[in-house]
């Protein structure tokens, strides 16, 4: 029996704000939509940002993997369904499916960590079943896993964290890392590929005025011959790797 109470859905019209130069919904725009529906669902279940902070915890995204077959066009309307899986210790999984004209065109799996709002350390919370109402009747056939980078990867561009990059926790919003990835790719290359898969791992928070150096294999033809692009972001002040990402294109 389908666990209807656990599944939340929302429709979105693709408009000029979230399309790319090909008049398609862009990767950055789609991840913003996924972030939005996750927030809406959490709010509906009673663990939105404010209520979670009152309970002494908040969520951080640690891993994300997107698979997509068709990119919607300007003025298309898509439906996204999302649900959470049972919490294990201080980790949770949220999954999504994306539909266009009632046809599934993509899916996304995300992993989240629950942090104590005061110590910013991992935190176990009680009564997760009643609070998060996880779905148990269905799961995607993939997870967001650790990304293994190739050896040949070099610096391409540097970004400085600005005010507009920050979220309510005063660290860089997770979709901004993907914007840096996209902005590090030469413009001429954007016209030549379509994203089939995208995954990202987050390993450290970044804050205002941090400088992040993006490394990739995009300038190494032998490394990306299979249409796989890899990226990592290093924080310059301490050489800390703050994220890694992988993009499969066609």
C-alpha atoms as a PDB file:
ATOM      1  CA  UNK A   1       0.000   0.000   0.000  1.00  0.00           C
ATOM      2  CA  UNK A   2       1.371   3.384  -0.988  1.00  0.00           C
ATOM      3  CA  UNK A   3       2.352   5.578   1.950  1.00  0.00           C
ATOM      4  CA  UNK A   4       0.419   8.650   0.779  1.00  0.00           C
ATOM      5  CA  UNK A   5       0.878  10.682   3.952  1.00  0.00           C
ATOM      6  CA  UNK A   6       4.653  10.551   3.497  1.00  0.00           C
ATOM      7  CA  UNK A   7       4.711  11.815  -0.114  1.00  0.00           C
ATOM      8  CA  UNK A   8       4.530  15.525  -0.855  1.00  0.00           C
ATOM      9  CA  UNK A   9       4.139  16.944  -4.368  1.00  0.00           C
ATOM     10  CA  UNK A  10       4.222  20.373  -5.934  1.00  0.00           C
ATOM     11  CA  UNK A  11       3.961  21.750  -9.465  1.00  0.00           C
ATOM     12  CA  UNK A  12       6.318  24.344 -10.934  1.00  0.00           C
ATOM     13  CA  UNK A  13       6.046  26.303 -14.167  1.00  0.00           C
ATOM     14  CA  UNK A  14       9.403  26.779 -15.889  1.00  0.00           C
ATOM     15  CA  UNK A  15       9.842  30.503 -16.382  1.00  0.00           C
ATOM     16  CA  UNK A  16      12.542  32.911 -17.521  1.00  0.00           C
ATOM     17  CA  UNK A  17      14.128  32.966 -14.067  1.00  0.00           C
ATOM     18  CA  UNK A  18      15.246  29.340 -14.039  1.00  0.00           C
ATOM     19  CA  UNK A  19      16.076  28.569 -17.686  1.00  0.00           C
ATOM     20  CA  UNK A  20      19.532  28.506 -19.262  1.00  0.00           C
ATOM     21  CA  UNK A  21      20.814  29.833 -22.599  1.00  0.00           C
ATOM     22  CA  UNK A  22      19.247  26.843 -24.395  1.00  0.00           C
ATOM     23  CA  UNK A  23      15.777  27.850 -23.141  1.00  0.00           C
ATOM     24  CA  UNK A  24      15.718  24.764 -20.943  1.00  0.00           C
ATOM     25  CA  UNK A  25      15.443  24.408 -17.199  1.00  0.00           C
ATOM     26  CA  UNK A  26      19.049  24.639 -16.018  1.00  0.00           C
ATOM     27  CA  UNK A  27      20.838  22.516 -13.428  1.00  0.00           C
ATOM     28  CA  UNK A  28      21.107  25.453 -11.024  1.00  0.00           C
ATOM     29  CA  UNK A  29      17.399  26.233 -11.484  1.00  0.00           C
ATOM     30  CA  UNK A  30      16.343  22.628 -10.887  1.00  0.00           C
ATOM     31  CA  UNK A  31      18.396  22.325  -7.706  1.00  0.00           C
ATOM     32  CA  UNK A  32      16.765  25.510  -6.431  1.00  0.00           C
ATOM     33  CA  UNK A  33      13.346  23.949  -7.068  1.00  0.00           C
ATOM     34  CA  UNK A  34      14.357  20.769  -5.233  1.00  0.00           C
ATOM     35  CA  UNK A  35      15.564  22.885  -2.320  1.00  0.00           C
ATOM     36  CA  UNK A  36      12.258  24.744  -2.310  1.00  0.00           C
ATOM     37  CA  UNK A  37      10.037  21.674  -2.223  1.00  0.00           C
ATOM     38  CA  UNK A  38      12.176  20.094   0.514  1.00  0.00           C
ATOM     39  CA  UNK A  39      11.653  23.216   2.627  1.00  0.00           C
ATOM     40  CA  UNK A  40       7.910  23.227   1.910  1.00  0.00           C
ATOM     41  CA  UNK A  41       7.572  19.573   2.864  1.00  0.00           C
ATOM     42  CA  UNK A  42       9.585  20.027   6.053  1.00  0.00           C
ATOM     43  CA  UNK A  43       7.413  22.997   6.994  1.00  0.00           C
ATOM     44  CA  UNK A  44       4.239  20.977   6.400  1.00  0.00           C
ATOM     45  CA  UNK A  45       5.528  18.136   8.588  1.00  0.00           C
ATOM     46  CA  UNK A  46       6.460  20.544  11.375  1.00  0.00           C
ATOM     47  CA  UNK A  47      10.236  20.551  11.127  1.00  0.00           C
ATOM     48  CA  UNK A  48      10.815  23.703   9.098  1.00  0.00           C
ATOM     49  CA  UNK A  49      13.790  25.923   9.892  1.00  0.00           C
ATOM     50  CA  UNK A  50      12.253  27.853  12.799  1.00  0.00           C
ATOM     51  CA  UNK A  51      10.576  24.884  14.492  1.00  0.00           C
ATOM     52  CA  UNK A  52      13.705  22.736  14.108  1.00  0.00           C
ATOM     53  CA  UNK A  53      15.863  25.432  15.687  1.00  0.00           C
ATOM     54  CA  UNK A  54      13.391  25.628  18.572  1.00  0.00           C
ATOM     55  CA  UNK A  55      13.857  21.880  19.030  1.00  0.00           C
ATOM     56  CA  UNK A  56      17.648  22.390  19.050  1.00  0.00           C
ATOM     57  CA  UNK A  57      18.677  21.063  15.645  1.00  0.00           C
ATOM     58  CA  UNK A  58      18.990  21.915  11.977  1.00  0.00           C
ATOM     59  CA  UNK A  59      19.767  20.042   8.755  1.00  0.00           C
ATOM     60  CA  UNK A  60      22.745  20.207   6.433  1.00  0.00           C
ATOM     61  CA  UNK A  61      22.935  18.588   3.030  1.00  0.00           C
ATOM     62  CA  UNK A  62      25.931  16.251   2.755  1.00  0.00           C
ATOM     63  CA  UNK A  63      25.444  14.439  -0.574  1.00  0.00           C
ATOM     64  CA  UNK A  64      23.187  14.782  -3.595  1.00  0.00           C
ATOM     65  CA  UNK A  65      22.808  12.782  -6.813  1.00  0.00           C
ATOM     66  CA  UNK A  66      20.532  13.715  -9.705  1.00  0.00           C
ATOM     67  CA  UNK A  67      19.683  11.561 -12.730  1.00  0.00           C
ATOM     68  CA  UNK A  68      17.657  13.175 -15.526  1.00  0.00           C
ATOM     69  CA  UNK A  69      16.630  12.064 -19.010  1.00  0.00           C
ATOM     70  CA  UNK A  70      14.758  15.129 -20.289  1.00  0.00           C
ATOM     71  CA  UNK A  71      15.237  18.792 -19.451  1.00  0.00           C
ATOM     72  CA  UNK A  72      11.949  20.756 -19.451  1.00  0.00           C
ATOM     73  CA  UNK A  73      11.602  23.791 -21.697  1.00  0.00           C
ATOM     74  CA  UNK A  74      10.387  27.317 -21.057  1.00  0.00           C
ATOM     75  CA  UNK A  75       6.683  27.360 -20.048  1.00  0.00           C
ATOM     76  CA  UNK A  76       6.572  23.619 -19.304  1.00  0.00           C
ATOM     77  CA  UNK A  77       4.966  22.626 -16.009  1.00  0.00           C
ATOM     78  CA  UNK A  78       6.660  19.908 -13.984  1.00  0.00           C
ATOM     79  CA  UNK A  79       5.505  17.988 -10.928  1.00  0.00           C
ATOM     80  CA  UNK A  80       7.969  16.975  -8.239  1.00  0.00           C
ATOM     81  CA  UNK A  81       7.258  14.358  -5.598  1.00  0.00           C
ATOM     82  CA  UNK A  82       9.423  14.062  -2.499  1.00  0.00           C
ATOM     83  CA  UNK A  83       9.615  12.008   0.677  1.00  0.00           C
ATOM     84  CA  UNK A  84      12.027  11.150   3.466  1.00  0.00           C
ATOM     85  CA  UNK A  85      13.354   7.722   4.437  1.00  0.00           C
ATOM     86  CA  UNK A  86      13.740   6.491   8.045  1.00  0.00           C
ATOM     87  CA  UNK A  87      16.415   8.334  10.015  1.00  0.00           C
ATOM     88  CA  UNK A  88      19.484   6.294  10.981  1.00  0.00           C
ATOM     89  CA  UNK A  89      21.431   7.800  13.908  1.00  0.00           C
ATOM     90  CA  UNK A  90      21.856  11.438  12.784  1.00  0.00           C
ATOM     91  CA  UNK A  91      21.552  10.820   9.035  1.00  0.00           C
ATOM     92  CA  UNK A  92      18.457  11.076   6.846  1.00  0.00           C
ATOM     93  CA  UNK A  93      17.736  10.482   3.169  1.00  0.00           C
ATOM     94  CA  UNK A  94      15.317  12.536   1.099  1.00  0.00           C
ATOM     95  CA  UNK A  95      14.303  11.358  -2.366  1.00  0.00           C
ATOM     96  CA  UNK A  96      12.592  13.083  -5.297  1.00  0.00           C
ATOM     97  CA  UNK A  97      10.982  12.137  -8.598  1.00  0.00           C
ATOM     98  CA  UNK A  98      10.420  14.654 -11.402  1.00  0.00           C
ATOM     99  CA  UNK A  99       7.533  14.381 -13.874  1.00  0.00           C
ATOM    100  CA  UNK A 100       6.688  16.161 -17.131  1.00  0.00           C
ATOM    101  CA  UNK A 101       3.266  15.477 -18.693  1.00  0.00           C
ATOM    102  CA  UNK A 102       2.815  12.584 -16.231  1.00  0.00           C
ATOM    103  CA  UNK A 103       6.046  10.947 -17.442  1.00  0.00           C
ATOM    104  CA  UNK A 104       8.933  10.483 -15.039  1.00  0.00           C
ATOM    105  CA  UNK A 105      11.946  12.345 -16.423  1.00  0.00           C
ATOM    106  CA  UNK A 106      14.306  12.354 -13.461  1.00  0.00           C
ATOM    107  CA  UNK A 107      15.051  11.466  -9.863  1.00  0.00           C
ATOM    108  CA  UNK A 108      17.281  12.702  -7.088  1.00  0.00           C
ATOM    109  CA  UNK A 109      18.615  11.222  -3.854  1.00  0.00           C
ATOM    110  CA  UNK A 110      20.005  13.371  -1.062  1.00  0.00           C
ATOM    111  CA  UNK A 111      21.677  12.646   2.276  1.00  0.00           C
ATOM    112  CA  UNK A 112      21.338  14.995   5.227  1.00  0.00           C
ATOM    113  CA  UNK A 113      22.984  15.287   8.621  1.00  0.00           C
ATOM    114  CA  UNK A 114      21.198  16.511  11.737  1.00  0.00           C
ATOM    115  CA  UNK A 115      23.301  19.038  13.670  1.00  0.00           C
ATOM    116  CA  UNK A 116      22.886  20.522  17.128  1.00  0.00           C
ATOM    117  CA  UNK A 117      21.921  24.188  16.702  1.00  0.00           C
ATOM    118  CA  UNK A 118      24.329  25.311  19.450  1.00  0.00           C
ATOM    119  CA  UNK A 119      27.358  23.068  19.027  1.00  0.00           C
ATOM    120  CA  UNK A 120      26.968  22.410  15.253  1.00  0.00           C
ATOM    121  CA  UNK A 121      27.874  18.808  16.001  1.00  0.00           C
ATOM    122  CA  UNK A 122      25.902  15.728  14.847  1.00  0.00           C
ATOM    123  CA  UNK A 123      22.855  15.134  17.017  1.00  0.00           C
ATOM    124  CA  UNK A 124      20.428  12.245  17.503  1.00  0.00           C
ATOM    125  CA  UNK A 125      16.821  13.227  18.053  1.00  0.00           C
ATOM    126  CA  UNK A 126      13.910  11.284  19.462  1.00  0.00           C
ATOM    127  CA  UNK A 127      10.606  10.266  17.836  1.00  0.00           C
ATOM    128  CA  UNK A 128      11.869  10.614  14.278  1.00  0.00           C
ATOM    129  CA  UNK A 129       9.147   8.311  12.935  1.00  0.00           C
ATOM    130  CA  UNK A 130       6.297  10.505  14.157  1.00  0.00           C
ATOM    131  CA  UNK A 131       8.100  13.752  13.324  1.00  0.00           C
ATOM    132  CA  UNK A 132       9.385  13.011   9.816  1.00  0.00           C
ATOM    133  CA  UNK A 133       6.762  10.444   8.678  1.00  0.00           C
ATOM    134  CA  UNK A 134       9.264   8.541   6.504  1.00  0.00           C
ATOM    135  CA  UNK A 135       8.177   6.555   3.483  1.00  0.00           C
ATOM    136  CA  UNK A 136       8.720   2.787   3.741  1.00  0.00           C
ATOM    137  CA  UNK A 137       6.915   1.321   0.720  1.00  0.00           C
ATOM    138  CA  UNK A 138       9.275   2.565  -2.015  1.00  0.00           C
ATOM    139  CA  UNK A 139      12.825   3.790  -2.643  1.00  0.00           C
ATOM    140  CA  UNK A 140      14.860   4.956  -5.603  1.00  0.00           C
ATOM    141  CA  UNK A 141      17.314   2.434  -7.030  1.00  0.00           C
ATOM    142  CA  UNK A 142      20.339   4.637  -6.322  1.00  0.00           C
ATOM    143  CA  UNK A 143      21.891   6.655  -3.503  1.00  0.00           C
ATOM    144  CA  UNK A 144      24.150   9.687  -3.335  1.00  0.00           C
ATOM    145  CA  UNK A 145      27.550   8.157  -2.612  1.00  0.00           C
ATOM    146  CA  UNK A 146      31.152   9.268  -2.176  1.00  0.00           C
ATOM    147  CA  UNK A 147      32.745  10.807  -5.276  1.00  0.00           C
ATOM    148  CA  UNK A 148      36.205   9.536  -6.234  1.00  0.00           C
ATOM    149  CA  UNK A 149      38.177  12.149  -8.150  1.00  0.00           C
ATOM    150  CA  UNK A 150      40.615  11.375 -10.987  1.00  0.00           C
ATOM    151  CA  UNK A 151      44.299  12.172 -10.480  1.00  0.00           C
ATOM    152  CA  UNK A 152      44.502  14.690 -13.321  1.00  0.00           C
ATOM    153  CA  UNK A 153      42.565  17.681 -12.049  1.00  0.00           C
ATOM    154  CA  UNK A 154      43.729  21.285 -12.107  1.00  0.00           C
ATOM    155  CA  UNK A 155      42.738  24.745 -10.918  1.00  0.00           C
ATOM    156  CA  UNK A 156      40.364  26.635 -13.204  1.00  0.00           C
ATOM    157  CA  UNK A 157      38.761  29.544 -11.324  1.00  0.00           C
ATOM    158  CA  UNK A 158      38.511  31.220  -7.905  1.00  0.00           C
ATOM    159  CA  UNK A 159      35.368  32.563  -6.243  1.00  0.00           C
ATOM    160  CA  UNK A 160      34.992  34.711  -3.136  1.00  0.00           C
ATOM    161  CA  UNK A 161      31.966  34.134  -0.896  1.00  0.00           C
ATOM    162  CA  UNK A 162      29.618  37.121  -1.045  1.00  0.00           C
ATOM    163  CA  UNK A 163      26.640  38.216   1.054  1.00  0.00           C
ATOM    164  CA  UNK A 164      24.195  36.803  -1.510  1.00  0.00           C
ATOM    165  CA  UNK A 165      25.798  33.338  -1.267  1.00  0.00           C
ATOM    166  CA  UNK A 166      24.768  32.866   2.380  1.00  0.00           C
ATOM    167  CA  UNK A 167      21.694  31.106   3.755  1.00  0.00           C
ATOM    168  CA  UNK A 168      19.835  31.351   7.079  1.00  0.00           C
ATOM    169  CA  UNK A 169      22.656  29.520   8.881  1.00  0.00           C
ATOM    170  CA  UNK A 170      25.167  32.146   7.663  1.00  0.00           C
ATOM    171  CA  UNK A 171      27.080  29.633   5.561  1.00  0.00           C
ATOM    172  CA  UNK A 172      27.075  29.203   1.795  1.00  0.00           C
ATOM    173  CA  UNK A 173      23.767  27.898   0.449  1.00  0.00           C
ATOM    174  CA  UNK A 174      24.267  24.419  -1.027  1.00  0.00           C
ATOM    175  CA  UNK A 175      23.055  25.324  -4.535  1.00  0.00           C
ATOM    176  CA  UNK A 176      25.709  28.061  -4.762  1.00  0.00           C
ATOM    177  CA  UNK A 177      28.431  25.410  -5.006  1.00  0.00           C
ATOM    178  CA  UNK A 178      26.768  24.139  -8.164  1.00  0.00           C
ATOM    179  CA  UNK A 179      26.642  27.692  -9.497  1.00  0.00           C
ATOM    180  CA  UNK A 180      30.418  27.884  -8.975  1.00  0.00           C
ATOM    181  CA  UNK A 181      30.817  24.575 -10.814  1.00  0.00           C
ATOM    182  CA  UNK A 182      28.783  25.858 -13.758  1.00  0.00           C
ATOM    183  CA  UNK A 183      30.556  29.214 -13.796  1.00  0.00           C
ATOM    184  CA  UNK A 184      33.937  27.464 -13.907  1.00  0.00           C
ATOM    185  CA  UNK A 185      33.015  25.760 -17.208  1.00  0.00           C
ATOM    186  CA  UNK A 186      33.929  27.789 -20.346  1.00  0.00           C
ATOM    187  CA  UNK A 187      30.829  29.316 -21.929  1.00  0.00           C
ATOM    188  CA  UNK A 188      31.432  27.647 -25.300  1.00  0.00           C
ATOM    189  CA  UNK A 189      31.298  24.257 -23.581  1.00  0.00           C
ATOM    190  CA  UNK A 190      27.817  24.899 -22.175  1.00  0.00           C
ATOM    191  CA  UNK A 191      26.371  24.830 -25.697  1.00  0.00           C
ATOM    192  CA  UNK A 192      27.910  21.431 -26.421  1.00  0.00           C
ATOM    193  CA  UNK A 193      26.598  19.201 -23.648  1.00  0.00           C
ATOM    194  CA  UNK A 194      23.493  18.123 -21.784  1.00  0.00           C
ATOM    195  CA  UNK A 195      23.696  16.973 -18.173  1.00  0.00           C
ATOM    196  CA  UNK A 196      22.529  13.374 -17.596  1.00  0.00           C
ATOM    197  CA  UNK A 197      23.800  12.979 -14.032  1.00  0.00           C
ATOM    198  CA  UNK A 198      25.064  15.364 -11.431  1.00  0.00           C
ATOM    199  CA  UNK A 199      26.303  14.583  -7.956  1.00  0.00           C
ATOM    200  CA  UNK A 200      27.968  16.611  -5.259  1.00  0.00           C
ATOM    201  CA  UNK A 201      29.499  15.879  -1.838  1.00  0.00           C
ATOM    202  CA  UNK A 202      29.775  18.598   0.811  1.00  0.00           C
ATOM    203  CA  UNK A 203      32.650  18.200   3.273  1.00  0.00           C
ATOM    204  CA  UNK A 204      32.962  21.577   5.036  1.00  0.00           C
ATOM    205  CA  UNK A 205      31.033  24.780   5.595  1.00  0.00           C
ATOM    206  CA  UNK A 206      32.191  27.976   3.907  1.00  0.00           C
ATOM    207  CA  UNK A 207      31.551  31.494   5.106  1.00  0.00           C
ATOM    208  CA  UNK A 208      31.610  35.139   4.069  1.00  0.00           C
ATOM    209  CA  UNK A 209      34.887  36.260   2.446  1.00  0.00           C
ATOM    210  CA  UNK A 210      36.237  32.709   2.081  1.00  0.00           C
ATOM    211  CA  UNK A 211      38.023  32.228  -1.242  1.00  0.00           C
ATOM    212  CA  UNK A 212      37.272  28.947  -3.005  1.00  0.00           C
ATOM    213  CA  UNK A 213      39.497  27.661  -5.796  1.00  0.00           C
ATOM    214  CA  UNK A 214      37.705  25.345  -8.234  1.00  0.00           C
ATOM    215  CA  UNK A 215      39.659  22.444  -9.753  1.00  0.00           C
ATOM    216  CA  UNK A 216      38.394  20.292 -12.633  1.00  0.00           C
ATOM    217  CA  UNK A 217      39.440  17.905 -15.390  1.00  0.00           C
ATOM    218  CA  UNK A 218      37.693  19.905 -18.100  1.00  0.00           C
ATOM    219  CA  UNK A 219      40.985  20.921 -19.729  1.00  0.00           C
ATOM    220  CA  UNK A 220      42.276  17.338 -19.799  1.00  0.00           C
ATOM    221  CA  UNK A 221      40.751  15.585 -22.865  1.00  0.00           C
ATOM    222  CA  UNK A 222      42.088  12.159 -21.830  1.00  0.00           C
ATOM    223  CA  UNK A 223      40.477  12.449 -18.402  1.00  0.00           C
ATOM    224  CA  UNK A 224      37.006  13.478 -19.577  1.00  0.00           C
ATOM    225  CA  UNK A 225      36.789  11.312 -22.686  1.00  0.00           C
ATOM    226  CA  UNK A 226      33.805   9.432 -21.219  1.00  0.00           C
ATOM    227  CA  UNK A 227      31.898  12.712 -20.834  1.00  0.00           C
ATOM    228  CA  UNK A 228      32.572  12.721 -17.096  1.00  0.00           C
ATOM    229  CA  UNK A 229      33.564  16.036 -15.586  1.00  0.00           C
ATOM    230  CA  UNK A 230      34.913  16.192 -12.042  1.00  0.00           C
ATOM    231  CA  UNK A 231      35.270  19.201  -9.762  1.00  0.00           C
ATOM    232  CA  UNK A 232      36.494  20.057  -6.297  1.00  0.00           C
ATOM    233  CA  UNK A 233      36.557  23.268  -4.302  1.00  0.00           C
ATOM    234  CA  UNK A 234      39.524  24.119  -2.090  1.00  0.00           C
ATOM    235  CA  UNK A 235      39.334  26.842   0.553  1.00  0.00           C
ATOM    236  CA  UNK A 236      42.493  28.849  -0.014  1.00  0.00           C
ATOM    237  CA  UNK A 237      43.169  29.921   3.569  1.00  0.00           C
ATOM    238  CA  UNK A 238      43.590  26.346   4.847  1.00  0.00           C
ATOM    239  CA  UNK A 239      43.613  24.187   1.656  1.00  0.00           C
ATOM    240  CA  UNK A 240      40.514  22.379   2.939  1.00  0.00           C
ATOM    241  CA  UNK A 241      38.443  20.537   0.321  1.00  0.00           C
ATOM    242  CA  UNK A 242      34.934  21.882   0.869  1.00  0.00           C
ATOM    243  CA  UNK A 243      33.137  19.982  -1.901  1.00  0.00           C
ATOM    244  CA  UNK A 244      33.599  17.509  -4.733  1.00  0.00           C
ATOM    245  CA  UNK A 245      31.287  17.079  -7.720  1.00  0.00           C
ATOM    246  CA  UNK A 246      30.807  14.868 -10.743  1.00  0.00           C
ATOM    247  CA  UNK A 247      28.850  15.619 -13.935  1.00  0.00           C
ATOM    248  CA  UNK A 248      27.986  13.054 -16.620  1.00  0.00           C
ATOM    249  CA  UNK A 249      27.130  14.705 -19.936  1.00  0.00           C
ATOM    250  CA  UNK A 250      26.152  13.764 -23.452  1.00  0.00           C
END
